[in-house]
Protein backbone atom coordinates (compact mmCIF):
# COMPACT_ATOMS: atom_id res chain seq x y z
CA PRO A 1 117.43 109.40 94.34
CA PRO A 2 117.82 107.55 90.73
CA TRP A 3 114.57 108.44 89.13
CA VAL A 4 115.12 112.51 90.15
CA LYS A 5 118.18 112.21 87.86
CA GLN A 6 116.30 110.38 85.09
CA GLY A 7 113.91 113.05 85.08
CA GLU A 8 116.52 115.55 84.90
CA ALA A 9 118.03 114.05 82.06
CA LEU A 10 114.82 113.80 80.28
CA HIS A 11 113.99 117.56 80.75
CA LYS A 12 117.54 118.17 79.43
CA GLN A 13 117.19 116.11 76.26
CA GLN A 14 113.71 117.28 75.61
CA THR A 15 114.99 120.95 75.76
CA GLN A 16 117.67 120.14 73.26
CA ILE A 17 115.21 118.14 70.77
CA PHE A 18 112.80 121.10 70.67
CA LYS A 19 115.35 123.64 69.72
CA HIS A 20 115.42 121.48 66.25
CA ARG A 21 111.55 120.46 66.31
CA SER A 22 108.36 122.57 64.90
CA LEU A 23 105.44 122.95 67.29
CA LYS A 24 103.32 121.31 64.75
CA ARG A 25 102.82 117.97 67.24
CA PHE A 26 100.58 120.29 69.20
CA GLY A 27 98.23 121.40 66.30
CA LEU A 28 98.24 125.19 67.43
CA GLN A 29 96.90 127.56 65.04
CA GLN A 30 98.88 130.29 66.15
CA VAL A 31 101.97 131.33 66.50
CA ALA A 32 103.84 130.29 70.06
CA GLU A 33 107.26 130.82 72.01
CA GLN A 34 108.28 128.15 73.78
CA VAL A 35 110.15 128.25 77.17
CA PHE A 36 111.68 125.49 79.42
CA ASN A 37 111.82 124.93 82.98
CA VAL A 38 109.61 128.08 84.08
CA PHE A 39 109.14 128.81 88.05
CA VAL A 40 105.52 129.64 88.12
CA SER A 41 103.96 131.07 91.38
CA SER A 42 100.84 132.95 92.69
CA GLU A 43 100.09 134.33 95.99
CA ALA A 44 96.17 134.28 95.22
CA LEU A 45 96.60 130.60 94.40
CA GLN A 46 99.08 129.96 97.38
CA LEU A 47 100.71 127.45 94.90
CA HIS A 48 104.24 127.51 93.08
CA GLY A 49 106.51 124.77 91.13
CA VAL A 50 108.45 124.68 87.93
CA VAL A 51 106.59 123.81 84.75
CA ASP A 52 109.05 121.85 82.16
CA SER A 53 107.66 123.63 79.26
CA LEU A 54 105.27 126.43 78.07
CA LEU A 55 103.76 127.29 74.76
CA ILE A 56 103.27 130.99 74.83
CA CYS A 57 100.67 132.40 72.20
CA ALA A 58 99.38 136.20 72.08
CA ASP A 59 96.09 135.50 74.28
CA THR A 60 96.45 131.76 75.54
CA ILE A 61 99.15 129.64 77.11
CA TYR A 62 99.69 125.71 77.38
CA PRO A 63 101.80 124.11 79.89
CA ILE A 64 103.62 120.93 78.68
CA GLU A 65 104.91 118.17 80.96
CA PHE A 66 107.50 115.45 80.03
CA LYS A 67 107.03 112.09 81.50
CA LEU A 68 109.86 109.18 80.94
CA SER A 69 107.04 106.33 80.89
CA GLY A 70 103.43 106.08 80.50
CA HIS A 71 100.73 106.06 78.02
CA LYS A 72 97.70 107.23 79.69
CA PRO A 73 97.51 110.28 81.83
CA SER A 74 96.93 109.40 85.53
CA ARG A 75 94.73 111.68 87.68
CA GLY A 76 97.78 113.22 89.24
CA GLN A 77 99.41 114.02 86.22
CA ILE A 78 96.35 115.87 84.98
CA LEU A 79 96.34 117.95 88.22
CA GLN A 80 99.75 118.61 88.19
CA LEU A 81 99.04 120.01 84.42
CA THR A 82 96.23 121.83 85.64
CA ALA A 83 98.19 123.33 88.27
CA TYR A 84 100.99 124.50 86.60
CA GLY A 85 98.49 125.94 84.01
CA MET A 86 96.50 128.05 86.66
CA LEU A 87 99.80 129.49 87.92
CA ALA A 88 101.05 130.32 84.23
CA GLU A 89 97.74 131.83 83.47
CA ASP A 90 97.99 134.04 86.97
CA LYS A 91 101.48 134.88 85.88
CA TYR A 92 101.04 135.77 81.94
CA LYS A 93 97.66 136.80 82.21
CA ARG A 94 96.84 134.65 79.16
CA LEU A 95 93.83 132.12 79.17
CA PHE A 96 94.48 128.49 79.70
CA ARG A 97 92.15 125.70 78.61
CA LYS A 98 94.60 123.08 77.20
CA GLY A 99 98.04 121.43 78.08
CA PHE A 100 100.02 118.63 76.86
CA ILE A 101 101.76 115.56 78.55
CA LEU A 102 104.65 114.05 76.54
CA TYR A 103 105.75 110.37 77.08
CA GLU A 104 109.15 110.07 75.81
CA GLN A 105 109.41 106.29 75.83
CA LYS A 106 106.20 106.07 73.58
CA GLY A 107 106.74 108.94 71.58
CA LYS A 108 103.19 110.35 72.48
CA THR A 109 101.85 113.77 72.88
CA MET A 110 98.89 113.83 74.66
CA PRO A 111 96.58 116.79 74.54
CA ILE A 112 94.58 117.58 77.91
CA ILE A 113 91.42 119.73 77.79
CA VAL A 114 91.16 121.17 81.31
CA GLN A 115 87.73 121.28 82.64
CA PRO A 116 86.25 123.10 85.72
CA LYS A 117 86.59 120.09 87.83
CA HIS A 118 90.05 119.62 87.28
CA ARG A 119 90.56 123.51 88.56
CA GLN A 120 88.30 122.84 91.61
CA GLN A 121 89.92 119.57 92.43
CA VAL A 122 93.55 121.41 92.48
CA LEU A 123 92.34 123.95 94.72
CA ASN A 124 90.61 121.16 97.02
CA LEU A 125 93.80 119.36 96.97
CA ARG A 126 95.73 122.68 97.97
CA ASP A 127 93.40 123.45 100.71
CA LYS A 128 93.87 119.80 102.13
CA ILE A 129 97.61 120.15 102.01
CA LEU A 130 97.47 123.64 103.71
CA ASP A 131 95.10 122.00 106.31
CA ASP A 132 97.50 119.15 106.90
CA LEU A 133 100.57 121.65 107.40
CA GLU A 134 98.62 123.80 109.77
CA GLN A 135 98.14 120.81 111.85
CA ALA A 136 101.36 119.27 111.55
CA CYS A 137 99.54 116.33 110.21
CA LEU A 138 100.93 113.18 108.15
CA PRO A 139 98.04 112.16 105.99
CA ASP A 140 97.19 108.70 105.13
CA SER A 141 98.46 107.50 101.79
CA PRO A 142 96.76 104.93 99.35
CA ALA A 143 100.45 104.70 97.59
CA THR A 144 101.61 101.31 97.22
CA PRO A 145 105.25 100.33 98.35
CA ALA A 146 106.24 100.32 94.78
CA GLN A 147 105.07 104.06 94.36
CA CYS A 148 106.68 104.90 97.66
CA THR A 149 109.84 103.76 96.13
CA GLN A 150 109.56 106.28 93.35
CA CYS A 151 108.42 109.24 95.67
CA GLU A 152 110.84 112.30 96.45
CA TYR A 153 109.13 112.32 99.64
CA LEU A 154 109.98 109.03 100.86
CA ASN A 155 112.53 110.48 103.69
CA TYR A 156 109.69 112.48 105.13
CA CYS A 157 107.30 109.41 105.12
CA ASN A 158 109.31 106.66 105.47
CA ASP A 159 107.84 105.55 108.85
CA ARG A 160 104.61 104.21 107.41
CA ASN A 161 104.11 100.40 107.63
């Protein structure tokens, strides 16, 4: 799908840009190593994914998600960032309390302070997904037709009315 290619192009562009940029925009008080496209997984959490970027400090880790457009983090974006942070925390054994969403079109860096409720929501969603998979159930979706056209799972649930 074209939106996937747009996202891939954005990630490549951001990787190149960050090679020549300082980490000042993140306001960190400590030295950080930045890595890109990191596979993170956890048997304990029963989750996995690829985080766009991580800032790895001595005792703290910060996930970063690149978004092509937008100006205010959606619930889904916050939970995606939270899930990646939880996975990175498990993998790197560093504390995760904050992450960042970078909106390319607006040039904004949005810090996200992760709260315990966000972590619990990730776990609740994971449990619901695992339950649906076990029951071979395709859940109802509140998505609008416009949202569905942007979804990478359209081929799997295109039978919705």
